[in-house]
Structure formats: C-alpha cells, structure tokens
PDB file of N, CA and C in Angstrom:
ATOM      1  N   GLN A   1     145.271 -14.221-123.728  1.00  0.00           N
ATOM      2  CA  GLN A   1     144.397 -15.097-122.980  1.00  0.00           C
ATOM      3  C   GLN A   1     143.263 -14.340-122.315  1.00  0.00           C
ATOM      4  N   TYR A   2     143.399 -13.039-122.217  1.00  0.00           N
ATOM      5  CA  TYR A   2     142.352 -12.218-121.622  1.00  0.00           C
ATOM      6  C   TYR A   2     141.562 -11.583-122.760  1.00  0.00           C
ATOM      7  N   GLY A   3     140.247 -11.580-122.679  1.00  0.00           N
ATOM      8  CA  GLY A   3     139.424 -11.136-123.789  1.00  0.00           C
ATOM      9  C   GLY A   3     138.794  -9.775-123.636  1.00  0.00           C
ATOM     10  N   GLY A   4     139.298  -8.944-122.735  1.00  0.00           N
ATOM     11  CA  GLY A   4     138.717  -7.614-122.543  1.00  0.00           C
ATOM     12  C   GLY A   4     139.131  -6.652-123.635  1.00  0.00           C
ATOM     13  N   LYS A   5     138.409  -5.530-123.744  1.00  0.00           N
ATOM     14  CA  LYS A   5     138.689  -4.565-124.801  1.00  0.00           C
ATOM     15  C   LYS A   5     140.093  -3.971-124.708  1.00  0.00           C
ATOM     16  N   GLU A   6     140.701  -4.063-123.540  1.00  0.00           N
ATOM     17  CA  GLU A   6     142.050  -3.527-123.362  1.00  0.00           C
ATOM     18  C   GLU A   6     143.075  -4.241-124.231  1.00  0.00           C
ATOM     19  N   VAL A   7     142.801  -5.480-124.621  1.00  0.00           N
ATOM     20  CA  VAL A   7     143.770  -6.244-125.409  1.00  0.00           C
ATOM     21  C   VAL A   7     143.768  -5.862-126.882  1.00  0.00           C
ATOM     22  N   LEU A   8     142.737  -5.178-127.340  1.00  0.00           N
ATOM     23  CA  LEU A   8     142.637  -4.885-128.768  1.00  0.00           C
ATOM     24  C   LEU A   8     143.798  -4.034-129.273  1.00  0.00           C
ATOM     25  N   GLY A   9     144.310  -3.137-128.445  1.00  0.00           N
ATOM     26  CA  GLY A   9     145.442  -2.300-128.846  1.00  0.00           C
ATOM     27  C   GLY A   9     146.676  -3.104-129.209  1.00  0.00           C
ATOM     28  N   GLN A  10     146.895  -4.239-128.535  1.00  0.00           N
ATOM     29  CA  GLN A  10     148.028  -5.109-128.859  1.00  0.00           C
ATOM     30  C   GLN A  10     147.616  -6.233-129.804  1.00  0.00           C
ATOM     31  N   ALA A  11     146.381  -6.703-129.684  1.00  0.00           N
ATOM     32  CA  ALA A  11     145.941  -7.853-130.467  1.00  0.00           C
ATOM     33  C   ALA A  11     145.797  -7.535-131.952  1.00  0.00           C
ATOM     34  N   ILE A  12     145.262  -6.377-132.286  1.00  0.00           N
ATOM     35  CA  ILE A  12     145.071  -6.037-133.697  1.00  0.00           C
ATOM     36  C   ILE A  12     146.404  -5.988-134.433  1.00  0.00           C
ATOM     37  N   PRO A  13     147.416  -5.241-133.935  1.00  0.00           N
ATOM     38  CA  PRO A  13     148.707  -5.255-134.632  1.00  0.00           C
ATOM     39  C   PRO A  13     149.349  -6.652-134.668  1.00  0.00           C
ATOM     40  N   ALA A  14     149.163  -7.437-133.607  1.00  0.00           N
ATOM     41  CA  ALA A  14     149.735  -8.790-133.581  1.00  0.00           C
ATOM     42  C   ALA A  14     149.119  -9.657-134.673  1.00  0.00           C
ATOM     43  N   VAL A  15     147.816  -9.551-134.869  1.00  0.00           N
ATOM     44  CA  VAL A  15     147.151 -10.323-135.925  1.00  0.00           C
ATOM     45  C   VAL A  15     147.634  -9.849-137.295  1.00  0.00           C
ATOM     46  N   LEU A  16     147.739  -8.543-137.472  1.00  0.00           N
ATOM     47  CA  LEU A  16     148.173  -8.004-138.760  1.00  0.00           C
ATOM     48  C   LEU A  16     149.612  -8.383-139.094  1.00  0.00           C
ATOM     49  N   GLU A  17     150.459  -8.513-138.073  1.00  0.00           N
ATOM     50  CA  GLU A  17     151.860  -8.890-138.294  1.00  0.00           C
ATOM     51  C   GLU A  17     152.019 -10.322-138.784  1.00  0.00           C
ATOM     52  N   LYS A  18     151.015 -11.150-138.539  1.00  0.00           N
ATOM     53  CA  LYS A  18     151.099 -12.548-138.978  1.00  0.00           C
ATOM     54  C   LYS A  18     151.027 -12.674-140.498  1.00  0.00           C
ATOM     55  N   HIS A  19     150.649 -11.622-141.174  1.00  0.00           N
ATOM     56  CA  HIS A  19     150.574 -11.585-142.641  1.00  0.00           C
ATOM     57  C   HIS A  19     149.738 -12.723-143.208  1.00  0.00           C
ATOM     58  N   SER A  20     148.655 -13.046-142.545  1.00  0.00           N
ATOM     59  CA  SER A  20     147.740 -14.041-143.097  1.00  0.00           C
ATOM     60  C   SER A  20     147.131 -13.471-144.372  1.00  0.00           C
ATOM     61  N   ALA A  21     146.817 -14.343-145.286  1.00  0.00           N
ATOM     62  CA  ALA A  21     146.227 -13.899-146.543  1.00  0.00           C
ATOM     63  C   ALA A  21     144.885 -13.213-146.281  1.00  0.00           C
ATOM     64  N   ALA A  22     144.752 -12.015-146.769  1.00  0.00           N
ATOM     65  CA  ALA A  22     143.504 -11.283-146.595  1.00  0.00           C
ATOM     66  C   ALA A  22     142.432 -11.917-147.477  1.00  0.00           C
ATOM     67  N   ARG A  23     141.224 -11.946-146.973  1.00  0.00           N
ATOM     68  CA  ARG A  23     140.088 -12.478-147.722  1.00  0.00           C
ATOM     69  C   ARG A  23     139.007 -11.419-147.783  1.00  0.00           C
ATOM     70  N   GLU A  24     138.319 -11.382-148.897  1.00  0.00           N
ATOM     71  CA  GLU A  24     137.169 -10.510-148.991  1.00  0.00           C
ATOM     72  C   GLU A  24     135.985 -11.286-148.439  1.00  0.00           C
ATOM     73  N   VAL A  25     135.316 -10.703-147.439  1.00  0.00           N
ATOM     74  CA  VAL A  25     134.249 -11.429-146.742  1.00  0.00           C
ATOM     75  C   VAL A  25     132.964 -10.633-146.723  1.00  0.00           C
ATOM     76  N   LEU A  26     131.903 -11.370-146.482  1.00  0.00           N
ATOM     77  CA  LEU A  26     130.603 -10.771-146.199  1.00  0.00           C
ATOM     78  C   LEU A  26     130.400 -10.882-144.701  1.00  0.00           C
ATOM     79  N   PHE A  27     130.142  -9.783-144.066  1.00  0.00           N
ATOM     80  CA  PHE A  27     130.025  -9.698-142.613  1.00  0.00           C
ATOM     81  C   PHE A  27     128.559  -9.455-142.294  1.00  0.00           C
ATOM     82  N   ASP A  28     127.906 -10.420-141.666  1.00  0.00           N
ATOM     83  CA  ASP A  28     126.469 -10.328-141.408  1.00  0.00           C
ATOM     84  C   ASP A  28     126.224 -10.311-139.900  1.00  0.00           C
ATOM     85  N   VAL A  29     125.758  -9.173-139.405  1.00  0.00           N
ATOM     86  CA  VAL A  29     125.462  -9.016-137.981  1.00  0.00           C
ATOM     87  C   VAL A  29     123.983  -9.320-137.786  1.00  0.00           C
ATOM     88  N   LYS A  30     123.713 -10.474-137.209  1.00  0.00           N
ATOM     89  CA  LYS A  30     122.332 -10.922-136.994  1.00  0.00           C
ATOM     90  C   LYS A  30     121.890 -10.549-135.580  1.00  0.00           C
ATOM     91  N   GLU A  31     120.664 -10.929-135.244  1.00  0.00           N
ATOM     92  CA  GLU A  31     120.111 -10.583-133.934  1.00  0.00           C
ATOM     93  C   GLU A  31     120.847 -11.263-132.784  1.00  0.00           C
ATOM     94  N   ALA A  32     121.284 -12.521-132.977  1.00  0.00           N
ATOM     95  CA  ALA A  32     121.897 -13.260-131.878  1.00  0.00           C
ATOM     96  C   ALA A  32     123.319 -13.727-132.159  1.00  0.00           C
ATOM     97  N   GLU A  33     123.849 -13.423-133.359  1.00  0.00           N
ATOM     98  CA  GLU A  33     125.190 -13.888-133.711  1.00  0.00           C
ATOM     99  C   GLU A  33     125.732 -13.134-134.920  1.00  0.00           C
ATOM    100  N   VAL A  34     127.024 -13.326-135.146  1.00  0.00           N
ATOM    101  CA  VAL A  34     127.712 -12.730-136.283  1.00  0.00           C
ATOM    102  C   VAL A  34     128.144 -13.855-137.215  1.00  0.00           C
ATOM    103  N   PHE A  35     127.880 -13.681-138.502  1.00  0.00           N
ATOM    104  CA  PHE A  35     128.311 -14.638-139.517  1.00  0.00           C
ATOM    105  C   PHE A  35     129.347 -13.963-140.401  1.00  0.00           C
ATOM    106  N   VAL A  36     130.417 -14.691-140.727  1.00  0.00           N
ATOM    107  CA  VAL A  36     131.403 -14.198-141.675  1.00  0.00           C
ATOM    108  C   VAL A  36     131.544 -15.249-142.764  1.00  0.00           C
ATOM    109  N   GLN A  37     131.271 -14.832-144.014  1.00  0.00           N
ATOM    110  CA  GLN A  37     131.346 -15.740-145.150  1.00  0.00           C
ATOM    111  C   GLN A  37     132.364 -15.221-146.148  1.00  0.00           C
ATOM    112  N   GLU A  38     133.035 -16.144-146.820  1.00  0.00           N
ATOM    113  CA  GLU A  38     133.926 -15.777-147.907  1.00  0.00           C
ATOM    114  C   GLU A  38     133.065 -15.241-149.046  1.00  0.00           C
ATOM    115  N   LYS A  39     133.437 -14.093-149.577  1.00  0.00           N
ATOM    116  CA  LYS A  39     132.586 -13.442-150.576  1.00  0.00           C
ATOM    117  C   LYS A  39     132.484 -14.253-151.864  1.00  0.00           C
ATOM    118  N   THR A  40     133.602 -14.796-152.336  1.00  0.00           N
ATOM    119  CA  THR A  40     133.595 -15.474-153.632  1.00  0.00           C
ATOM    120  C   THR A  40     132.869 -16.813-153.615  1.00  0.00           C
ATOM    121  N   SER A  41     133.003 -17.556-152.522  1.00  0.00           N
ATOM    122  CA  SER A  41     132.430 -18.908-152.482  1.00  0.00           C
ATOM    123  C   SER A  41     131.216 -19.036-151.559  1.00  0.00           C
ATOM    124  N   SER A  42     130.932 -18.020-150.769  1.00  0.00           N
ATOM    125  CA  SER A  42     129.888 -18.044-149.738  1.00  0.00           C
ATOM    126  C   SER A  42     130.154 -19.077-148.646  1.00  0.00           C
ATOM    127  N   LYS A  43     131.388 -19.578-148.583  1.00  0.00           N
ATOM    128  CA  LYS A  43     131.767 -20.525-147.527  1.00  0.00           C
ATOM    129  C   LYS A  43     131.733 -19.823-146.174  1.00  0.00           C
ATOM    130  N   LEU A  44     131.077 -20.451-145.203  1.00  0.00           N
ATOM    131  CA  LEU A  44     131.006 -19.890-143.860  1.00  0.00           C
ATOM    132  C   LEU A  44     132.375 -20.009-143.194  1.00  0.00           C
ATOM    133  N   LEU A  45     132.963 -18.876-142.841  1.00  0.00           N
ATOM    134  CA  LEU A  45     134.281 -18.870-142.199  1.00  0.00           C
ATOM    135  C   LEU A  45     134.156 -18.916-140.681  1.00  0.00           C
ATOM    136  N   CYS A  46     133.174 -18.216-140.144  1.00  0.00           N
ATOM    137  CA  CYS A  46     132.933 -18.314-138.707  1.00  0.00           C
ATOM    138  C   CYS A  46     131.520 -17.854-138.380  1.00  0.00           C
ATOM    139  N   ARG A  47     131.027 -18.427-137.318  1.00  0.00           N
ATOM    140  CA  ARG A  47     129.713 -18.112-136.771  1.00  0.00           C
ATOM    141  C   ARG A  47     129.934 -17.880-135.282  1.00  0.00           C
ATOM    142  N   CYS A  48     129.687 -16.668-134.828  1.00  0.00           N
ATOM    143  CA  CYS A  48     129.999 -16.309-133.442  1.00  0.00           C
ATOM    144  C   CYS A  48     128.751 -15.821-132.719  1.00  0.00           C
ATOM    145  N   PRO A  49     128.148 -16.667-131.881  1.00  0.00           N
ATOM    146  CA  PRO A  49     127.033 -16.190-131.043  1.00  0.00           C
ATOM    147  C   PRO A  49     127.548 -15.099-130.091  1.00  0.00           C
ATOM    148  N   TYR A  50     126.736 -14.100-129.832  1.00  0.00           N
ATOM    149  CA  TYR A  50     127.180 -12.990-128.986  1.00  0.00           C
ATOM    150  C   TYR A  50     127.731 -13.408-127.626  1.00  0.00           C
ATOM    151  N   PRO A  51     127.172 -14.432-126.958  1.00  0.00           N
ATOM    152  CA  PRO A  51     127.753 -14.800-125.667  1.00  0.00           C
ATOM    153  C   PRO A  51     129.211 -15.273-125.740  1.00  0.00           C
ATOM    154  N   THR A  52     129.703 -15.636-126.932  1.00  0.00           N
ATOM    155  CA  THR A  52     131.112 -16.045-127.059  1.00  0.00           C
ATOM    156  C   THR A  52     132.025 -14.874-127.391  1.00  0.00           C
ATOM    157  N   ILE A  53     131.445 -13.719-127.737  1.00  0.00           N
ATOM    158  CA  ILE A  53     132.246 -12.537-128.070  1.00  0.00           C
ATOM    159  C   ILE A  53     132.488 -11.747-126.789  1.00  0.00           C
ATOM    160  N   SER A  54     133.760 -11.518-126.480  1.00  0.00           N
ATOM    161  CA  SER A  54     134.080 -10.841-125.223  1.00  0.00           C
ATOM    162  C   SER A  54     134.228  -9.335-125.374  1.00  0.00           C
ATOM    163  N   CYS A  55     134.596  -8.860-126.568  1.00  0.00           N
ATOM    164  CA  CYS A  55     134.740  -7.421-126.771  1.00  0.00           C
ATOM    165  C   CYS A  55     134.750  -7.112-128.261  1.00  0.00           C
ATOM    166  N   VAL A  56     134.505  -5.862-128.583  1.00  0.00           N
ATOM    167  CA  VAL A  56     134.570  -5.380-129.959  1.00  0.00           C
ATOM    168  C   VAL A  56     135.116  -3.960-129.918  1.00  0.00           C
ATOM    169  N   GLY A  57     135.899  -3.595-130.916  1.00  0.00           N
ATOM    170  CA  GLY A  57     136.444  -2.246-130.969  1.00  0.00           C
ATOM    171  C   GLY A  57     137.249  -2.050-132.226  1.00  0.00           C
ATOM    172  N   ARG A  58     137.885  -0.887-132.300  1.00  0.00           N
ATOM    173  CA  ARG A  58     138.675  -0.627-133.499  1.00  0.00           C
ATOM    174  C   ARG A  58     140.037  -0.072-133.144  1.00  0.00           C
ATOM    175  N   CYS A  59     140.861  -0.038-134.149  1.00  0.00           N
ATOM    176  CA  CYS A  59     142.235   0.426-134.013  1.00  0.00           C
ATOM    177  C   CYS A  59     142.231   1.957-134.026  1.00  0.00           C
ATOM    178  N   VAL A  60     142.902   2.563-133.095  1.00  0.00           N
ATOM    179  CA  VAL A  60     142.908   4.020-132.986  1.00  0.00           C
ATOM    180  C   VAL A  60     143.570   4.663-134.200  1.00  0.00           C
ATOM    181  N   ASP A  61     144.678   4.100-134.662  1.00  0.00           N
ATOM    182  CA  ASP A  61     145.415   4.728-135.758  1.00  0.00           C
ATOM    183  C   ASP A  61     144.951   4.298-137.148  1.00  0.00           C
ATOM    184  N   SER A  62     144.002   3.395-137.234  1.00  0.00           N
ATOM    185  CA  SER A  62     143.461   2.975-138.525  1.00  0.00           C
ATOM    186  C   SER A  62     141.957   2.784-138.348  1.00  0.00           C
ATOM    187  N   SER A  63     141.209   3.829-138.614  1.00  0.00           N
ATOM    188  CA  SER A  63     139.803   3.857-138.227  1.00  0.00           C
ATOM    189  C   SER A  63     138.902   2.915-139.018  1.00  0.00           C
ATOM    190  N   ASN A  64     139.385   2.359-140.123  1.00  0.00           N
ATOM    191  CA  ASN A  64     138.519   1.414-140.830  1.00  0.00           C
ATOM    192  C   ASN A  64     138.738  -0.023-140.360  1.00  0.00           C
ATOM    193  N   LEU A  65     139.753  -0.255-139.521  1.00  0.00           N
ATOM    194  CA  LEU A  65     139.985  -1.585-138.948  1.00  0.00           C
ATOM    195  C   LEU A  65     139.162  -1.757-137.681  1.00  0.00           C
ATOM    196  N   PHE A  66     138.563  -2.922-137.545  1.00  0.00           N
ATOM    197  CA  PHE A  66     137.862  -3.242-136.309  1.00  0.00           C
ATOM    198  C   PHE A  66     138.119  -4.712-135.996  1.00  0.00           C
ATOM    199  N   ALA A  67     137.869  -5.076-134.759  1.00  0.00           N
ATOM    200  CA  ALA A  67     138.139  -6.453-134.343  1.00  0.00           C
ATOM    201  C   ALA A  67     137.191  -6.837-133.223  1.00  0.00           C
ATOM    202  N   PHE A  68     137.073  -8.130-133.045  1.00  0.00           N
ATOM    203  CA  PHE A  68     136.409  -8.620-131.848  1.00  0.00           C
ATOM    204  C   PHE A  68     137.128  -9.861-131.368  1.00  0.00           C
ATOM    205  N   CYS A  69     137.062 -10.077-130.070  1.00  0.00           N
ATOM    206  CA  CYS A  69     137.648 -11.268-129.456  1.00  0.00           C
ATOM    207  C   CYS A  69     136.527 -12.260-129.217  1.00  0.00           C
ATOM    208  N   VAL A  70     136.802 -13.503-129.532  1.00  0.00           N
ATOM    209  CA  VAL A  70     135.812 -14.553-129.366  1.00  0.00           C
ATOM    210  C   VAL A  70     136.442 -15.681-128.560  1.00  0.00           C
ATOM    211  N   ALA A  71     135.672 -16.244-127.657  1.00  0.00           N
ATOM    212  CA  ALA A  71     136.178 -17.332-126.816  1.00  0.00           C
ATOM    213  C   ALA A  71     136.520 -18.530-127.697  1.00  0.00           C
ATOM    214  N   ALA A  72     137.761 -18.991-127.583  1.00  0.00           N
ATOM    215  CA  ALA A  72     138.199 -20.150-128.353  1.00  0.00           C
ATOM    216  C   ALA A  72     137.785 -21.440-127.663  1.00  0.00           C
ATOM    217  N   SER A  73     137.622 -21.373-126.344  1.00  0.00           N
ATOM    218  CA  SER A  73     137.225 -22.556-125.575  1.00  0.00           C
ATOM    219  C   SER A  73     136.194 -22.153-124.520  1.00  0.00           C
ATOM    220  N   PRO A  74     134.978 -21.793-124.942  1.00  0.00           N
ATOM    221  CA  PRO A  74     133.986 -21.281-123.981  1.00  0.00           C
ATOM    222  C   PRO A  74     133.571 -22.287-122.927  1.00  0.00           C
ATOM    223  N   GLU A  75     133.754 -23.586-123.176  1.00  0.00           N
ATOM    224  CA  GLU A  75     133.346 -24.599-122.200  1.00  0.00           C
ATOM    225  C   GLU A  75     134.407 -24.858-121.137  1.00  0.00           C
ATOM    226  N   SER A  76     135.557 -24.227-121.258  1.00  0.00           N
ATOM    227  CA  SER A  76     136.653 -24.443-120.317  1.00  0.00           C
ATOM    228  C   SER A  76     136.301 -23.891-118.935  1.00  0.00           C
ATOM    229  N   PRO A  77     136.388 -24.695-117.885  1.00  0.00           N
ATOM    230  CA  PRO A  77     136.005 -24.228-116.550  1.00  0.00           C
ATOM    231  C   PRO A  77     137.004 -23.243-115.937  1.00  0.00           C
ATOM    232  N   ASP A  78     138.255 -23.266-116.365  1.00  0.00           N
ATOM    233  CA  ASP A  78     139.274 -22.403-115.750  1.00  0.00           C
ATOM    234  C   ASP A  78     139.451 -21.087-116.504  1.00  0.00           C
ATOM    235  N   GLY A  79     138.506 -20.731-117.335  1.00  0.00           N
ATOM    236  CA  GLY A  79     138.626 -19.499-118.108  1.00  0.00           C
ATOM    237  C   GLY A  79     139.010 -19.821-119.537  1.00  0.00           C
ATOM    238  N   SER A  80     138.550 -19.023-120.414  1.00  0.00           N
ATOM    239  CA  SER A  80     138.738 -19.289-121.830  1.00  0.00           C
ATOM    240  C   SER A  80     139.986 -18.623-122.370  1.00  0.00           C
ATOM    241  N   THR A  81     140.436 -19.151-123.489  1.00  0.00           N
ATOM    242  CA  THR A  81     141.400 -18.423-124.298  1.00  0.00           C
ATOM    243  C   THR A  81     140.588 -17.768-125.408  1.00  0.00           C
ATOM    244  N   PHE A  82     141.139 -16.735-126.005  1.00  0.00           N
ATOM    245  CA  PHE A  82     140.396 -15.948-126.968  1.00  0.00           C
ATOM    246  C   PHE A  82     141.152 -15.812-128.277  1.00  0.00           C
ATOM    247  N   ASP A  83     140.409 -15.779-129.351  1.00  0.00           N
ATOM    248  CA  ASP A  83     140.954 -15.461-130.661  1.00  0.00           C
ATOM    249  C   ASP A  83     140.533 -14.037-130.979  1.00  0.00           C
ATOM    250  N   CYS A  84     141.426 -13.305-131.621  1.00  0.00           N
ATOM    251  CA  CYS A  84     141.111 -11.950-132.056  1.00  0.00           C
ATOM    252  C   CYS A  84     140.925 -11.989-133.567  1.00  0.00           C
ATOM    253  N   LEU A  85     139.750 -11.598-134.031  1.00  0.00           N
ATOM    254  CA  LEU A  85     139.440 -11.573-135.458  1.00  0.00           C
ATOM    255  C   LEU A  85     139.449 -10.121-135.914  1.00  0.00           C
ATOM    256  N   VAL A  86     140.252  -9.819-136.927  1.00  0.00           N
ATOM    257  CA  VAL A  86     140.436  -8.444-137.385  1.00  0.00           C
ATOM    258  C   VAL A  86     139.870  -8.295-138.795  1.00  0.00           C
ATOM    259  N   PHE A  87     139.165  -7.186-139.018  1.00  0.00           N
ATOM    260  CA  PHE A  87     138.525  -6.927-140.300  1.00  0.00           C
ATOM    261  C   PHE A  87     138.810  -5.489-140.726  1.00  0.00           C
ATOM    262  N   ALA A  88     138.823  -5.268-142.019  1.00  0.00           N
ATOM    263  CA  ALA A  88     138.949  -3.921-142.582  1.00  0.00           C
ATOM    264  C   ALA A  88     137.645  -3.600-143.291  1.00  0.00           C
ATOM    265  N   ALA A  89     136.977  -2.572-142.830  1.00  0.00           N
ATOM    266  CA  ALA A  89     135.745  -2.116-143.477  1.00  0.00           C
ATOM    267  C   ALA A  89     136.129  -1.165-144.612  1.00  0.00           C
ATOM    268  N   SER A  90     135.169  -0.873-145.473  1.00  0.00           N
ATOM    269  CA  SER A  90     135.469   0.004-146.609  1.00  0.00           C
ATOM    270  C   SER A  90     135.586   1.476-146.197  1.00  0.00           C
ATOM    271  N   SER A  91     135.080   1.818-145.005  1.00  0.00           N
ATOM    272  CA  SER A  91     135.160   3.198-144.534  1.00  0.00           C
ATOM    273  C   SER A  91     135.104   3.233-143.007  1.00  0.00           C
ATOM    274  N   GLU A  92     135.455   4.374-142.462  1.00  0.00           N
ATOM    275  CA  GLU A  92     135.357   4.571-141.010  1.00  0.00           C
ATOM    276  C   GLU A  92     133.903   4.468-140.558  1.00  0.00           C
ATOM    277  N   GLN A  93     132.987   5.008-141.349  1.00  0.00           N
ATOM    278  CA  GLN A  93     131.568   4.967-140.996  1.00  0.00           C
ATOM    279  C   GLN A  93     131.050   3.532-140.968  1.00  0.00           C
ATOM    280  N   GLU A  94     131.463   2.726-141.949  1.00  0.00           N
ATOM    281  CA  GLU A  94     131.033   1.330-141.968  1.00  0.00           C
ATOM    282  C   GLU A  94     131.586   0.576-140.760  1.00  0.00           C
ATOM    283  N   SER A  95     132.831   0.842-140.420  1.00  0.00           N
ATOM    284  CA  SER A  95     133.459   0.218-139.256  1.00  0.00           C
ATOM    285  C   SER A  95     132.687   0.572-137.984  1.00  0.00           C
ATOM    286  N   GLU A  96     132.354   1.850-137.822  1.00  0.00           N
ATOM    287  CA  GLU A  96     131.609   2.297-136.639  1.00  0.00           C
ATOM    288  C   GLU A  96     130.228   1.643-136.580  1.00  0.00           C
ATOM    289  N   GLU A  97     129.562   1.523-137.723  1.00  0.00           N
ATOM    290  CA  GLU A  97     128.228   0.925-137.764  1.00  0.00           C
ATOM    291  C   GLU A  97     128.287  -0.551-137.363  1.00  0.00           C
ATOM    292  N   ILE A  98     129.269  -1.277-137.847  1.00  0.00           N
ATOM    293  CA  ILE A  98     129.398  -2.689-137.495  1.00  0.00           C
ATOM    294  C   ILE A  98     129.659  -2.836-135.999  1.00  0.00           C
ATOM    295  N   ILE A  99     130.539  -2.011-135.469  1.00  0.00           N
ATOM    296  CA  ILE A  99     130.836  -2.061-134.029  1.00  0.00           C
ATOM    297  C   ILE A  99     129.571  -1.768-133.228  1.00  0.00           C
ATOM    298  N   ARG A 100     128.812  -0.750-133.633  1.00  0.00           N
ATOM    299  CA  ARG A 100     127.566  -0.406-132.935  1.00  0.00           C
ATOM    300  C   ARG A 100     126.572  -1.569-132.973  1.00  0.00           C
ATOM    301  N   ARG A 101     126.471  -2.220-134.120  1.00  0.00           N
ATOM    302  CA  ARG A 101     125.514  -3.323-134.250  1.00  0.00           C
ATOM    303  C   ARG A 101     125.926  -4.516-133.400  1.00  0.00           C
ATOM    304  N   ILE A 102     127.221  -4.802-133.339  1.00  0.00           N
ATOM    305  CA  ILE A 102     127.675  -5.899-132.473  1.00  0.00           C
ATOM    306  C   ILE A 102     127.430  -5.539-131.013  1.00  0.00           C
ATOM    307  N   ALA A 103     127.722  -4.298-130.632  1.00  0.00           N
ATOM    308  CA  ALA A 103     127.477  -3.854-129.254  1.00  0.00           C
ATOM    309  C   ALA A 103     125.993  -3.957-128.909  1.00  0.00           C
ATOM    310  N   ALA A 104     125.123  -3.612-129.854  1.00  0.00           N
ATOM    311  CA  ALA A 104     123.683  -3.752-129.630  1.00  0.00           C
ATOM    312  C   ALA A 104     123.319  -5.224-129.457  1.00  0.00           C
ATOM    313  N   GLY A 105     124.017  -6.099-130.172  1.00  0.00           N
ATOM    314  CA  GLY A 105     123.782  -7.539-130.037  1.00  0.00           C
ATOM    315  C   GLY A 105     124.073  -8.031-128.631  1.00  0.00           C
ATOM    316  N   PHE A 106     125.091  -7.447-127.991  1.00  0.00           N
ATOM    317  CA  PHE A 106     125.374  -7.806-126.603  1.00  0.00           C
ATOM    318  C   PHE A 106     124.147  -7.537-125.740  1.00  0.00           C
ATOM    319  N   LYS A 107     123.516  -6.385-125.945  1.00  0.00           N
ATOM    320  CA  LYS A 107     122.341  -6.023-125.157  1.00  0.00           C
ATOM    321  C   LYS A 107     121.174  -6.958-125.426  1.00  0.00           C
ATOM    322  N   HIS A 108     120.989  -7.331-126.706  1.00  0.00           N
ATOM    323  CA  HIS A 108     119.882  -8.219-127.072  1.00  0.00           C
ATOM    324  C   HIS A 108     120.023  -9.613-126.477  1.00  0.00           C
ATOM    325  N   THR A 109     121.260 -10.070-126.328  1.00  0.00           N
ATOM    326  CA  THR A 109     121.462 -11.457-125.917  1.00  0.00           C
ATOM    327  C   THR A 109     121.867 -11.617-124.462  1.00  0.00           C
ATOM    328  N   GLU A 110     122.036 -10.527-123.711  1.00  0.00           N
ATOM    329  CA  GLU A 110     122.508 -10.669-122.337  1.00  0.00           C
ATOM    330  C   GLU A 110     121.546 -11.462-121.474  1.00  0.00           C
ATOM    331  N   TRP A 111     120.291 -11.531-121.853  1.00  0.00           N
ATOM    332  CA  TRP A 111     119.313 -12.286-121.077  1.00  0.00           C
ATOM    333  C   TRP A 111     119.250 -13.758-121.484  1.00  0.00           C
ATOM    334  N   PHE A 112     119.935 -14.123-122.550  1.00  0.00           N
ATOM    335  CA  PHE A 112     119.948 -15.511-123.016  1.00  0.00           C
ATOM    336  C   PHE A 112     120.864 -16.382-122.181  1.00  0.00           C
ATOM    337  N   VAL A 113     121.869 -15.781-121.537  1.00  0.00           N
ATOM    338  CA  VAL A 113     122.870 -16.581-120.817  1.00  0.00           C
ATOM    339  C   VAL A 113     122.621 -16.583-119.333  1.00  0.00           C
TER     340      VAL A 113
END
C-alpha cells in the first residue's frame, strides 16, 4: 500500500512469485508518461503519466530487472494503493537507461502537478 522505493525489494520478488505469464513488450519512455505495448499486437497494456508513478528502481540481485510503482487509485483522498510493474530488460545497461529516463521524467513533470 506504500509506494516508496523501499518497497521494491519486497514487491519485485512478490510479483515474480505470482508466475504471471511473461509478455514481450515495447517500453516507450515519453516526455510526460510511460507507455507499455504488447510487442506482437501493439495493444496498449498500460499508460502511466509520471505523476502517478511513485518510484522506480531495480532488483539488487538481478540487474536486468527493474520495476516501478504506480498509483492504482490516484483520486483516493485517504492515500492511494499502488501496483508494482516489473520488467526484464535485455541487459543491465538497458535497465539502467530506462530507470534514468523515468527518473528524468519525474523532473520534467514535477511542475505539472
């Protein structure tokens, strides 16, 4: 229920334990939001404006895995619940670049809210 970066250490393994079917996706980090599309069908799986993303980071023991928490109920007055979305990049460098770009997005959009 808490969306800070401290939860990623427990959230990433928890998501992976659910054994959800892995999908190959296209991950597009835009100026004001992140788009995730299914690679085979181009179906939009999620669109996350930066103000709804509470944190981004990666797994210490698996450097190509990264995740971000997104508010599941941003309009809730008593605080939001968060979903943790976990992705596997093709390399550690790609994972780091995506994390850097999302972090830069926080800076670009902090004046929008």
